[in-house]
Amino acid sequence: MQLTGSQIFCEVLVEQGVDTLFGYPGGAVLNLYDELYRYQDRIKHVITAHEQGAAHAADGYARATGRTGVVLATSGPGATNLVTGIATAYMDSVPMVAITGNVPTSLMGQDSFQEVYIAGITMPITKHNFVVYDVKDLADTLREAFRIAQTGRKGPVLVDIPKDVTAALCEFTPAAAPERDMYESPIDMDAIAKAAEIINNAERPAVYFGGGVTASGAGEELAALMKKACMPAAYSLMGAGVIHCDDALNLGMVGMHGCRTSNFALDNCDVMVAVGTRFSDRVALKPDAFGRRAKLIQIDLDASEINKNVHVDVALEGDVKDVICALLPKINNICRDEWLTQIAEWKAEDYQPKDNDAVLKPHQVIRKACELAGEDSIYVTDVGQHQMWAVQYCRHVKPRKFLTSGGLGTMGYGYGAAIGAKVAKPECPVIHFTGDGSFHMNLNEACTAVSFGLPVITVLFDNSVLGMVRQWQTSFYGRRYSCTNLDRKTDYVKLIEAFGGKGYSVSNLAEFEEAMKEALKADGPVWIHCPISRDEKVLPMIPGGCTCDSIIME
């Protein structure tokens, strides 16, 4: 049957199981939007305040579900406004398809109105990108984009479609079903045997895992490996929620702001099994000393991550779940009481913040929010001190319930991602933790939450400074607070009410509890303004380039 490029676009989205699209219309994509009008019973379109918010929303949708998030923007500034969101997804291996319009092919390369070469701009931050010059290639290109986004190490793919392609006619043949992940990762059984032997002979083994476990859906398999080998585990920021926070073998987060126990355990283990993680500089702060007493075994789907930051003794390339399933039968059931006793002694020395119900202490606010919201809640953060407090003090019990920008560290990520998560999981409470610095970047997305009736709860830690940068200036720059004391005069309660939502300003824990209870009953967005001291710090802290020997506890 003969269809226009716009009809083909919509048909392929439906074919790929896309039921939600985030975006913002403009001249180059008017044909696509005209067709989306006819498909509104099958594809829900969420228009955001800004294309960056749409990209973060598609990202949050993908992280909350494991499905591919989809974002649509027009040419020129519309396309470039997606760049930060695409880069965020790329750094954290989030499956996304970003679709941009462009000027007609006859005008390309002539500096036409709202023309940019978005494929060139995004080349370093996508798994792949396409420019569709012929409508005959459109259907297969879109299908390939979805396949690439979900195949192997997941990530964003961009498809740029000139306006004349969206209007051109072409014969369209529907596909029977969307192509699923056919990625095959043959397991090196000799390497499996070698790794099993090293683990079985270890006295002090430990696991260090990250977001690759979530992407693979291998949480249960990892827990089984930990239990069978009696291996405690520490996680990166991206691994929060994979192992239940009450699991006796869960050491907590590791790295710059990880707990003392997890850092000490990885520093003193004799075997470290790194699973679906990339030894980032926020964990392996001094790469040549990381795991210095251990034999290192790395399990990763992406061959480029093997031996990239830290040299390992055994490399197990492949899907995390497949590799662990191959490894499990070769692991002995072992009790390592002496090792667990040592870990218990370290845990007794872990940093414990001091409570004070008369003021707002970040750890108490976060714990109270988790207590009231329940285990099915999704927690989303921006980037800064509040992000670290959230990962430290949230009760992580399930994967895909803690969404944050890890690799890129994108301030302003949270509100858009929270909207995407709420659209994806309307039955789950969505709690957005943010700071006044991050929040000012994209708080305009409040209009999106109001317009679509999305009860996202924002808990805003307001210290009137750029907290994390100021903390570094305090510790390492002689208290020279260059451009970090913001002292903005924003009235957050009036502002959210002006948008059409509900706001509360609280000054102690009891007031926060009452506001949180009311927020959980609301049918639209709520902001809870929590003024905190600018001297609150994220602890523990290991300075960059150092080891756990230099951990700061006060």
Protein backbone atom coordinates (compact mmCIF):
# COMPACT_ATOMS: atom_id res chain seq x y z
CA MET A 1 0.00 0.00 0.00
CA GLN A 2 1.10 3.55 -0.78
CA LEU A 3 1.75 5.66 2.32
CA THR A 4 3.40 8.98 2.98
CA GLY A 5 6.58 9.13 5.02
CA SER A 6 4.56 10.47 7.94
CA GLN A 7 2.13 7.57 7.77
CA ILE A 8 5.05 5.15 7.58
CA PHE A 9 6.59 6.85 10.62
CA CYS A 10 3.45 6.30 12.69
CA GLU A 11 2.91 2.76 11.42
CA VAL A 12 6.44 1.73 12.38
CA LEU A 13 6.09 3.28 15.85
CA VAL A 14 2.94 1.23 16.44
CA GLU A 15 4.63 -1.84 14.98
CA GLN A 16 7.53 -1.38 17.44
CA GLY A 17 5.16 -1.25 20.39
CA VAL A 18 5.54 2.49 21.00
CA ASP A 19 2.53 3.82 22.89
CA THR A 20 4.08 7.02 24.26
CA LEU A 21 6.05 9.76 22.56
CA PHE A 22 7.65 12.83 24.15
CA GLY A 23 8.29 15.85 21.98
CA TYR A 24 7.72 19.39 20.76
CA PRO A 25 6.37 20.36 17.32
CA GLY A 26 7.96 22.69 14.79
CA GLY A 27 8.07 23.46 11.08
CA ALA A 28 10.23 20.55 9.92
CA VAL A 29 8.06 17.95 11.70
CA LEU A 30 4.62 19.38 10.94
CA ASN A 31 3.80 16.50 8.59
CA LEU A 32 4.67 14.01 11.32
CA TYR A 33 2.54 15.86 13.86
CA ASP A 34 -0.36 16.07 11.41
CA GLU A 35 -0.27 12.30 11.13
CA LEU A 36 0.15 11.81 14.89
CA TYR A 37 -3.19 13.66 15.22
CA ARG A 38 -4.80 10.74 13.40
CA TYR A 39 -2.97 8.19 15.58
CA GLN A 40 -3.74 9.77 18.94
CA ASP A 41 -5.86 6.76 19.96
CA ARG A 42 -2.75 4.56 19.63
CA ILE A 43 0.18 6.87 20.41
CA LYS A 44 0.03 9.23 23.38
CA HIS A 45 2.06 12.38 22.79
CA VAL A 46 3.40 14.29 25.79
CA ILE A 47 4.41 17.84 24.90
CA THR A 48 6.97 19.27 27.30
CA ALA A 49 8.04 22.84 28.01
CA HIS A 50 11.42 22.35 26.32
CA GLU A 51 12.97 19.69 24.11
CA GLN A 52 15.59 18.91 26.76
CA GLY A 53 12.76 18.05 29.14
CA ALA A 54 11.31 15.76 26.46
CA ALA A 55 14.64 13.95 26.05
CA HIS A 56 14.96 13.46 29.81
CA ALA A 57 11.35 12.27 29.95
CA ALA A 58 12.02 9.64 27.27
CA ASP A 59 15.10 8.63 29.27
CA GLY A 60 13.10 8.34 32.51
CA TYR A 61 10.43 6.32 30.69
CA ALA A 62 13.10 3.93 29.43
CA ARG A 63 14.84 3.53 32.79
CA ALA A 64 11.56 2.88 34.60
CA THR A 65 10.39 0.24 32.11
CA GLY A 66 13.39 -1.17 30.25
CA ARG A 67 11.60 -0.28 27.01
CA THR A 68 12.94 2.15 24.42
CA GLY A 69 12.07 5.77 25.11
CA VAL A 70 11.14 7.89 22.10
CA VAL A 71 11.53 11.65 21.64
CA LEU A 72 10.63 13.83 18.66
CA ALA A 73 11.89 17.34 17.89
CA THR A 74 12.01 19.72 14.97
CA SER A 75 15.14 20.83 13.14
CA GLY A 76 17.75 23.36 14.23
CA PRO A 77 17.29 24.50 17.85
CA GLY A 78 14.73 21.77 18.47
CA ALA A 79 17.29 19.15 17.54
CA THR A 80 20.18 20.76 19.41
CA ASN A 81 18.04 21.06 22.54
CA LEU A 82 17.99 17.25 22.62
CA VAL A 83 21.77 16.94 22.78
CA THR A 84 22.19 16.99 26.57
CA GLY A 85 19.43 14.42 26.98
CA ILE A 86 20.93 12.16 24.33
CA ALA A 87 24.37 12.41 25.94
CA THR A 88 22.86 11.59 29.34
CA ALA A 89 21.28 8.45 27.92
CA TYR A 90 24.48 7.50 26.12
CA MET A 91 26.67 7.71 29.22
CA ASP A 92 24.25 5.52 31.21
CA SER A 93 23.43 3.06 28.39
CA VAL A 94 19.74 3.93 28.21
CA PRO A 95 17.77 2.75 25.14
CA MET A 96 16.32 5.75 23.32
CA VAL A 97 15.32 6.65 19.78
CA ALA A 98 15.53 10.38 19.08
CA ILE A 99 13.77 11.49 15.91
CA THR A 100 14.48 14.92 14.45
CA GLY A 101 13.08 16.73 11.47
CA ASN A 102 15.26 18.62 9.05
CA VAL A 103 14.90 21.02 6.15
CA PRO A 104 13.96 19.50 2.77
CA THR A 105 16.78 17.67 1.02
CA SER A 106 16.87 20.36 -1.70
CA LEU A 107 17.81 22.95 0.96
CA MET A 108 20.30 20.89 2.94
CA GLY A 109 23.80 22.32 3.10
CA GLN A 110 22.65 25.87 2.29
CA ASP A 111 22.44 27.24 5.86
CA SER A 112 18.66 27.16 5.51
CA PHE A 113 16.35 28.41 8.23
CA GLN A 114 16.61 26.14 11.29
CA GLU A 115 19.09 23.82 9.61
CA VAL A 116 21.80 21.98 11.56
CA TYR A 117 23.68 18.80 10.78
CA ILE A 118 22.37 17.02 13.86
CA ALA A 119 23.79 13.66 12.77
CA GLY A 120 27.29 15.13 12.89
CA ILE A 121 26.66 16.89 16.18
CA THR A 122 25.43 13.73 17.89
CA MET A 123 27.82 11.23 16.35
CA PRO A 124 30.00 10.94 19.51
CA ILE A 125 26.99 10.53 21.83
CA THR A 126 24.86 7.95 20.02
CA LYS A 127 25.27 4.26 19.33
CA HIS A 128 24.43 5.07 15.74
CA ASN A 129 22.57 7.74 13.81
CA PHE A 130 20.88 8.00 10.44
CA VAL A 131 19.83 10.64 7.94
CA VAL A 132 16.96 9.38 5.77
CA TYR A 133 17.28 10.88 2.29
CA ASP A 134 14.75 8.60 0.55
CA VAL A 135 11.30 7.68 1.82
CA LYS A 136 11.89 4.13 0.59
CA ASP A 137 14.48 3.73 3.34
CA LEU A 138 12.39 5.20 6.14
CA ALA A 139 10.61 2.11 7.49
CA ASP A 140 13.68 -0.10 7.61
CA THR A 141 15.81 2.71 9.07
CA LEU A 142 13.35 3.26 11.92
CA ARG A 143 13.19 -0.48 12.58
CA GLU A 144 16.97 -0.66 12.63
CA ALA A 145 17.12 2.27 15.04
CA PHE A 146 14.91 0.45 17.55
CA ARG A 147 16.90 -2.76 17.10
CA ILE A 148 20.23 -1.03 17.72
CA ALA A 149 18.94 0.87 20.76
CA GLN A 150 18.07 -2.40 22.51
CA THR A 151 20.73 -4.74 21.15
CA GLY A 152 23.89 -5.49 23.11
CA ARG A 153 24.91 -2.55 25.27
CA LYS A 154 21.83 -0.38 25.10
CA GLY A 155 21.92 3.28 24.14
CA PRO A 156 20.45 6.14 22.12
CA VAL A 157 20.03 6.18 18.33
CA LEU A 158 19.11 9.27 16.29
CA VAL A 159 17.09 9.32 13.07
CA ASP A 160 17.04 12.61 11.15
CA ILE A 161 14.21 12.94 8.60
CA PRO A 162 14.10 15.82 6.08
CA LYS A 163 10.65 17.38 5.65
CA ASP A 164 10.17 16.32 2.03
CA VAL A 165 10.76 12.68 3.03
CA THR A 166 7.84 12.90 5.46
CA ALA A 167 5.56 14.02 2.61
CA ALA A 168 6.78 11.64 -0.13
CA LEU A 169 4.80 8.53 -1.09
CA CYS A 170 6.17 5.02 -0.96
CA GLU A 171 5.02 1.44 -0.97
CA PHE A 172 4.87 0.23 2.64
CA THR A 173 5.04 -3.38 3.74
CA PRO A 174 4.16 -3.96 7.39
CA ALA A 175 6.51 -6.12 9.40
CA ALA A 176 5.03 -9.19 11.07
CA ALA A 177 6.56 -8.26 14.44
CA PRO A 178 9.28 -5.97 15.75
CA GLU A 179 12.76 -7.40 15.68
CA ARG A 180 13.82 -8.45 19.13
CA ASP A 181 17.28 -8.53 20.59
CA MET A 182 19.05 -11.28 18.66
CA TYR A 183 22.43 -10.44 20.14
CA GLU A 184 24.41 -13.58 20.85
CA SER A 185 27.29 -13.51 23.25
CA PRO A 186 29.15 -16.83 23.08
CA ILE A 187 30.52 -17.72 26.50
CA ASP A 188 34.20 -18.63 26.85
CA MET A 189 33.86 -21.72 29.03
CA ASP A 190 37.61 -21.90 29.67
CA ALA A 191 37.45 -18.40 31.12
CA ILE A 192 34.38 -19.42 33.13
CA ALA A 193 36.29 -22.36 34.59
CA LYS A 194 39.26 -20.16 35.43
CA ALA A 195 37.04 -17.57 37.12
CA ALA A 196 35.22 -20.24 39.11
CA GLU A 197 38.50 -21.68 40.33
CA ILE A 198 39.70 -18.26 41.48
CA ILE A 199 36.41 -17.58 43.32
CA ASN A 200 36.33 -21.02 44.94
CA ASN A 201 39.90 -20.62 46.24
CA ALA A 202 39.37 -17.09 47.55
CA GLU A 203 39.35 -16.20 51.22
CA ARG A 204 37.96 -12.68 50.88
CA PRO A 205 35.95 -12.42 47.63
CA ALA A 206 33.68 -9.46 46.86
CA VAL A 207 31.40 -8.33 44.05
CA TYR A 208 31.36 -4.83 42.57
CA PHE A 209 28.37 -4.35 40.27
CA GLY A 210 26.70 -1.59 38.27
CA GLY A 211 23.96 -0.70 35.83
CA GLY A 212 24.74 -3.57 33.47
CA VAL A 213 23.03 -5.93 35.93
CA THR A 214 19.80 -3.94 35.68
CA ALA A 215 20.02 -3.74 31.89
CA SER A 216 20.44 -7.50 31.70
CA GLY A 217 17.70 -8.21 34.23
CA ALA A 218 20.21 -10.32 36.15
CA GLY A 219 19.45 -9.26 39.71
CA GLU A 220 18.21 -12.68 40.85
CA GLU A 221 21.14 -14.45 39.26
CA LEU A 222 23.61 -12.10 40.92
CA ALA A 223 21.96 -12.63 44.31
CA ALA A 224 22.23 -16.40 43.81
CA LEU A 225 25.95 -16.09 42.98
CA MET A 226 26.56 -13.93 46.04
CA LYS A 227 24.75 -16.37 48.32
CA LYS A 228 26.36 -19.51 46.93
CA ALA A 229 29.90 -18.12 47.07
CA CYS A 230 29.26 -16.13 50.27
CA MET A 231 30.46 -13.00 48.45
CA PRO A 232 29.36 -9.62 49.77
CA ALA A 233 28.64 -6.99 47.11
CA ALA A 234 29.08 -3.25 46.69
CA TYR A 235 27.39 -1.28 43.94
CA SER A 236 27.99 1.81 41.85
CA LEU A 237 25.45 4.64 41.64
CA MET A 238 23.81 2.89 38.68
CA GLY A 239 23.44 -0.38 40.56
CA ALA A 240 21.17 0.89 43.33
CA GLY A 241 18.15 -1.36 43.91
CA VAL A 242 19.48 -4.51 42.26
CA ILE A 243 20.10 -6.14 45.65
CA HIS A 244 17.64 -5.51 48.49
CA CYS A 245 18.98 -3.01 51.00
CA ASP A 246 18.34 -5.49 53.86
CA ASP A 247 20.31 -8.32 52.23
CA ALA A 248 23.06 -9.30 54.67
CA LEU A 249 25.56 -9.45 51.79
CA ASN A 250 24.74 -5.93 50.54
CA LEU A 251 27.66 -3.67 51.47
CA GLY A 252 26.16 -0.46 50.09
CA MET A 253 27.41 1.98 47.50
CA VAL A 254 31.12 2.20 46.76
CA GLY A 255 33.22 5.09 45.52
CA MET A 256 33.77 8.75 46.31
CA HIS A 257 30.65 9.01 48.47
CA GLY A 258 30.18 5.32 49.15
CA CYS A 259 30.16 3.92 52.66
CA ARG A 260 33.35 3.03 54.51
CA THR A 261 32.54 -0.69 54.58
CA SER A 262 32.09 -1.08 50.82
CA ASN A 263 35.28 0.85 50.07
CA PHE A 264 37.29 -1.07 52.66
CA ALA A 265 35.90 -4.41 51.47
CA LEU A 266 36.92 -3.80 47.85
CA ASP A 267 40.29 -2.51 48.98
CA ASN A 268 40.98 -5.59 51.10
CA CYS A 269 39.36 -8.40 49.13
CA ASP A 270 41.57 -11.01 47.47
CA VAL A 271 39.15 -11.57 44.56
CA MET A 272 36.92 -8.90 43.04
CA VAL A 273 34.18 -9.83 40.58
CA ALA A 274 33.18 -6.70 38.65
CA VAL A 275 29.75 -7.24 37.08
CA GLY A 276 28.22 -4.90 34.50
CA THR A 277 30.27 -1.91 35.59
CA ARG A 278 33.01 0.15 34.02
CA PHE A 279 35.41 1.13 36.85
CA SER A 280 34.47 4.81 36.51
CA ASP A 281 36.63 7.52 38.02
CA ARG A 282 33.99 8.05 40.72
CA VAL A 283 34.67 4.51 41.98
CA ALA A 284 38.19 3.67 40.86
CA LEU A 285 39.43 7.05 42.05
CA LYS A 286 43.02 5.90 41.77
CA PRO A 287 42.88 3.24 39.05
CA ASP A 288 46.36 1.77 39.56
CA ALA A 289 45.53 1.14 43.22
CA PHE A 290 41.92 -0.03 42.85
CA GLY A 291 41.55 -3.66 43.85
CA ARG A 292 45.27 -3.64 44.56
CA ARG A 293 45.15 -6.78 46.74
CA ALA A 294 42.79 -8.74 44.52
CA LYS A 295 42.61 -10.84 41.43
CA LEU A 296 40.09 -9.06 39.21
CA ILE A 297 37.36 -10.80 37.21
CA GLN A 298 35.30 -8.58 34.92
CA ILE A 299 31.94 -9.54 33.43
CA ASP A 300 30.74 -7.13 30.75
CA LEU A 301 28.78 -7.18 27.52
CA ASP A 302 30.91 -4.48 25.93
CA ALA A 303 34.38 -5.63 24.94
CA SER A 304 35.58 -2.02 24.88
CA GLU A 305 35.10 -1.82 28.66
CA ILE A 306 37.36 -4.78 29.36
CA ASN A 307 40.76 -3.56 30.61
CA LYS A 308 39.83 0.04 29.72
CA ASN A 309 40.25 1.70 33.10
CA VAL A 310 41.60 -1.13 35.26
CA HIS A 311 43.56 -4.18 34.15
CA VAL A 312 41.80 -7.45 35.01
CA ASP A 313 43.02 -11.02 35.39
CA VAL A 314 40.02 -12.78 33.83
CA ALA A 315 37.63 -11.24 31.31
CA LEU A 316 34.18 -12.78 30.82
CA GLU A 317 32.63 -11.04 27.83
CA GLY A 318 28.91 -11.49 27.33
CA ASP A 319 25.46 -10.73 28.62
CA VAL A 320 25.63 -10.52 32.41
CA LYS A 321 22.76 -12.93 32.98
CA ASP A 322 24.17 -15.50 30.54
CA VAL A 323 27.63 -15.32 32.06
CA ILE A 324 26.41 -15.67 35.65
CA CYS A 325 24.18 -18.60 34.68
CA ALA A 326 27.21 -20.30 33.13
CA LEU A 327 29.34 -19.53 36.19
CA LEU A 328 26.90 -20.56 38.93
CA PRO A 329 27.10 -24.38 38.52
CA LYS A 330 30.88 -24.24 38.91
CA ILE A 331 30.81 -22.25 42.17
CA ASN A 332 31.13 -24.12 45.46
CA ASN A 333 28.87 -23.52 48.43
CA ILE A 334 31.27 -21.95 50.90
CA CYS A 335 30.98 -20.26 54.30
CA ARG A 336 33.43 -17.45 54.83
CA ASP A 337 32.74 -16.54 58.44
CA GLU A 338 36.06 -14.84 59.08
CA TRP A 339 35.56 -12.50 56.11
CA LEU A 340 31.99 -11.71 57.13
CA THR A 341 33.14 -11.02 60.69
CA GLN A 342 35.66 -8.50 59.40
CA ILE A 343 32.95 -6.82 57.33
CA ALA A 344 30.64 -6.65 60.35
CA GLU A 345 33.42 -4.86 62.26
CA TRP A 346 33.77 -2.32 59.45
CA LYS A 347 30.00 -1.79 59.37
CA ALA A 348 30.05 -0.87 63.04
CA GLU A 349 32.40 2.00 62.10
CA ASP A 350 30.34 3.31 59.17
CA TYR A 351 29.40 6.99 59.06
CA GLN A 352 26.11 7.73 60.81
CA PRO A 353 24.59 11.21 60.41
CA LYS A 354 23.11 12.85 63.49
CA ASP A 355 19.35 13.26 63.76
CA ASN A 356 17.69 16.53 64.69
CA ASP A 357 13.91 16.64 64.39
CA ALA A 358 13.80 20.38 65.09
CA VAL A 359 15.38 21.24 61.72
CA LEU A 360 15.51 19.58 58.33
CA LYS A 361 18.32 17.06 58.04
CA PRO A 362 18.59 15.57 54.52
CA HIS A 363 18.96 11.96 55.68
CA GLN A 364 15.86 12.20 57.89
CA VAL A 365 13.79 13.83 55.16
CA ILE A 366 14.73 11.14 52.64
CA ARG A 367 14.12 8.30 55.06
CA LYS A 368 10.73 9.73 56.03
CA ALA A 369 9.78 10.17 52.36
CA CYS A 370 10.66 6.53 51.66
CA GLU A 371 8.77 5.34 54.73
CA LEU A 372 5.61 7.16 53.66
CA ALA A 373 5.81 6.49 49.91
CA GLY A 374 6.38 2.72 50.13
CA GLU A 375 8.45 0.15 48.31
CA ASP A 376 6.82 0.56 44.89
CA SER A 377 7.85 4.20 44.64
CA ILE A 378 10.23 5.45 41.99
CA TYR A 379 12.87 7.92 43.16
CA VAL A 380 14.37 10.35 40.66
CA THR A 381 17.16 12.82 41.35
CA ASP A 382 18.94 15.72 39.78
CA VAL A 383 22.70 16.01 40.36
CA GLY A 384 24.57 17.32 43.38
CA GLN A 385 24.55 16.78 47.13
CA HIS A 386 20.89 15.74 47.17
CA GLN A 387 21.69 13.02 44.62
CA MET A 388 24.30 11.48 46.91
CA TRP A 389 22.07 11.79 49.98
CA ALA A 390 19.26 10.10 48.05
CA VAL A 391 21.36 7.13 46.96
CA GLN A 392 22.78 6.83 50.48
CA TYR A 393 19.51 7.00 52.41
CA CYS A 394 16.74 5.75 50.13
CA ARG A 395 15.64 2.20 50.87
CA HIS A 396 16.63 0.48 47.63
CA VAL A 397 14.64 -2.73 47.30
CA LYS A 398 13.89 -3.13 43.58
CA PRO A 399 15.67 -2.39 40.30
CA ARG A 400 14.45 0.45 38.05
CA LYS A 401 13.22 2.39 41.07
CA PHE A 402 16.15 4.83 41.39
CA LEU A 403 16.68 7.01 38.34
CA THR A 404 19.59 9.42 38.15
CA SER A 405 22.15 10.80 35.73
CA GLY A 406 25.32 8.92 36.61
CA GLY A 407 27.92 9.19 33.88
CA LEU A 408 27.17 12.68 32.58
CA GLY A 409 26.00 14.17 35.88
CA THR A 410 23.29 16.29 34.28
CA MET A 411 21.87 19.02 36.49
CA GLY A 412 18.26 19.57 35.44
CA TYR A 413 17.74 15.90 34.57
CA GLY A 414 15.31 15.09 37.34
CA TYR A 415 11.99 16.78 36.58
CA GLY A 416 11.80 15.58 32.99
CA ALA A 417 12.85 12.06 33.99
CA ALA A 418 10.28 12.03 36.80
CA ILE A 419 7.58 12.99 34.31
CA GLY A 420 8.68 10.17 32.01
CA ALA A 421 8.67 7.70 34.90
CA LYS A 422 5.19 8.77 36.00
CA VAL A 423 3.81 8.47 32.47
CA ALA A 424 5.38 5.00 32.25
CA LYS A 425 4.27 3.84 35.70
CA PRO A 426 1.16 5.81 36.71
CA GLU A 427 0.45 3.35 39.51
CA CYS A 428 3.77 4.10 41.27
CA PRO A 429 4.39 7.15 43.43
CA VAL A 430 7.22 9.18 41.86
CA ILE A 431 9.39 11.20 44.24
CA HIS A 432 11.77 13.74 42.73
CA PHE A 433 14.66 14.77 44.98
CA THR A 434 16.41 17.93 43.85
CA GLY A 435 18.47 20.91 44.99
CA ASP A 436 17.81 24.57 44.29
CA GLY A 437 20.73 24.73 41.85
CA SER A 438 19.60 21.81 39.68
CA PHE A 439 15.92 22.62 39.99
CA HIS A 440 16.21 26.10 38.50
CA MET A 441 17.53 24.58 35.28
CA ASN A 442 14.34 22.78 34.25
CA LEU A 443 11.60 23.65 36.74
CA ASN A 444 9.63 24.94 33.74
CA GLU A 445 8.51 21.33 33.24
CA ALA A 446 6.02 21.95 36.05
CA CYS A 447 3.63 23.08 33.31
CA THR A 448 3.94 19.62 31.73
CA ALA A 449 3.13 17.86 35.00
CA VAL A 450 0.14 20.16 35.57
CA SER A 451 -1.18 19.87 32.01
CA PHE A 452 -1.11 16.08 32.06
CA GLY A 453 -2.24 15.71 35.68
CA LEU A 454 0.94 13.97 36.78
CA PRO A 455 1.27 13.80 40.58
CA VAL A 456 5.05 13.98 40.73
CA ILE A 457 6.23 14.96 44.23
CA THR A 458 9.30 17.21 44.27
CA VAL A 459 11.30 17.34 47.50
CA LEU A 460 13.47 20.42 47.12
CA PHE A 461 16.54 20.78 49.32
CA ASP A 462 17.24 24.50 49.35
CA ASN A 463 20.58 25.61 50.81
CA SER A 464 20.84 28.70 48.56
CA VAL A 465 24.19 27.49 47.23
CA LEU A 466 25.62 25.06 44.70
CA GLY A 467 26.11 22.54 47.48
CA MET A 468 28.49 19.98 46.00
CA VAL A 469 30.76 22.55 44.40
CA ARG A 470 30.75 24.58 47.62
CA GLN A 471 31.66 21.46 49.60
CA TRP A 472 34.73 21.05 47.40
CA GLN A 473 35.56 24.72 47.78
CA THR A 474 35.33 24.28 51.56
CA SER A 475 37.61 21.24 51.64
CA PHE A 476 40.10 21.95 48.87
CA TYR A 477 39.91 25.64 47.85
CA GLY A 478 40.42 27.49 51.11
CA ARG A 479 36.72 28.41 51.46
CA ARG A 480 36.88 30.72 48.47
CA TYR A 481 33.24 30.49 47.43
CA SER A 482 33.51 31.71 43.87
CA CYS A 483 30.05 31.95 42.28
CA THR A 484 28.50 29.20 44.43
CA ASN A 485 26.47 31.31 46.89
CA LEU A 486 23.24 31.72 44.93
CA ASP A 487 20.90 33.32 47.46
CA ARG A 488 18.04 33.37 44.99
CA LYS A 489 14.74 34.81 46.15
CA THR A 490 12.43 32.32 44.44
CA ASP A 491 9.18 31.71 46.31
CA TYR A 492 8.67 28.07 45.39
CA VAL A 493 5.18 27.77 46.88
CA LYS A 494 3.88 30.76 44.92
CA LEU A 495 5.68 29.55 41.78
CA ILE A 496 4.16 26.06 41.71
CA GLU A 497 0.76 27.55 42.52
CA ALA A 498 1.21 29.90 39.56
CA PHE A 499 1.87 26.85 37.37
CA GLY A 500 -1.31 25.23 38.74
CA GLY A 501 0.16 22.79 41.26
CA LYS A 502 0.41 22.66 45.03
CA GLY A 503 3.31 23.76 47.22
CA TYR A 504 4.41 23.48 50.83
CA SER A 505 7.30 25.07 52.69
CA VAL A 506 8.39 23.20 55.81
CA SER A 507 10.95 23.85 58.53
CA ASN A 508 11.16 20.64 60.56
CA LEU A 509 10.61 16.91 60.22
CA ALA A 510 7.06 16.91 61.60
CA GLU A 511 5.99 19.56 59.09
CA PHE A 512 7.64 17.60 56.29
CA GLU A 513 5.79 14.45 57.30
CA GLU A 514 2.43 16.22 57.16
CA ALA A 515 3.25 17.81 53.79
CA MET A 516 4.40 14.48 52.38
CA LYS A 517 1.19 12.76 53.48
CA GLU A 518 -0.85 15.45 51.73
CA ALA A 519 1.34 15.26 48.62
CA LEU A 520 0.77 11.52 48.33
CA LYS A 521 -2.98 12.17 48.09
CA ALA A 522 -2.70 14.87 45.43
CA ASP A 523 -3.82 14.40 41.82
CA GLY A 524 -1.23 16.81 40.41
CA PRO A 525 2.34 17.93 40.99
CA VAL A 526 3.44 18.98 44.47
CA TRP A 527 6.60 20.78 45.54
CA ILE A 528 7.82 20.51 49.15
CA HIS A 529 10.33 23.25 49.87
CA CYS A 530 12.89 22.10 52.46
CA PRO A 531 15.37 24.80 53.55
CA ILE A 532 18.58 23.21 54.86
CA SER A 533 21.88 24.51 56.15
CA ARG A 534 24.46 25.36 53.51
CA ASP A 535 27.03 23.66 55.73
CA GLU A 536 25.44 20.22 55.32
CA LYS A 537 27.99 17.89 53.70
CA VAL A 538 27.88 14.61 51.83
CA LEU A 539 29.91 12.16 53.89
CA PRO A 540 31.86 9.97 53.70
CA MET A 541 34.04 11.40 50.97
CA ILE A 542 37.20 10.16 49.30
CA PRO A 543 39.04 12.95 47.45
CA GLY A 544 39.62 12.43 43.74
CA GLY A 545 42.79 10.51 42.94
CA CYS A 546 42.96 8.96 46.41
CA THR A 547 42.14 5.60 47.97
CA CYS A 548 39.97 4.68 50.94
CA ASP A 549 43.01 5.37 53.14
CA SER A 550 42.10 9.06 52.70
CA ILE A 551 38.40 8.75 53.47
CA ILE A 552 36.86 11.82 55.14
CA MET A 553 34.29 10.94 57.81
CA GLU A 554 33.56 14.32 59.40
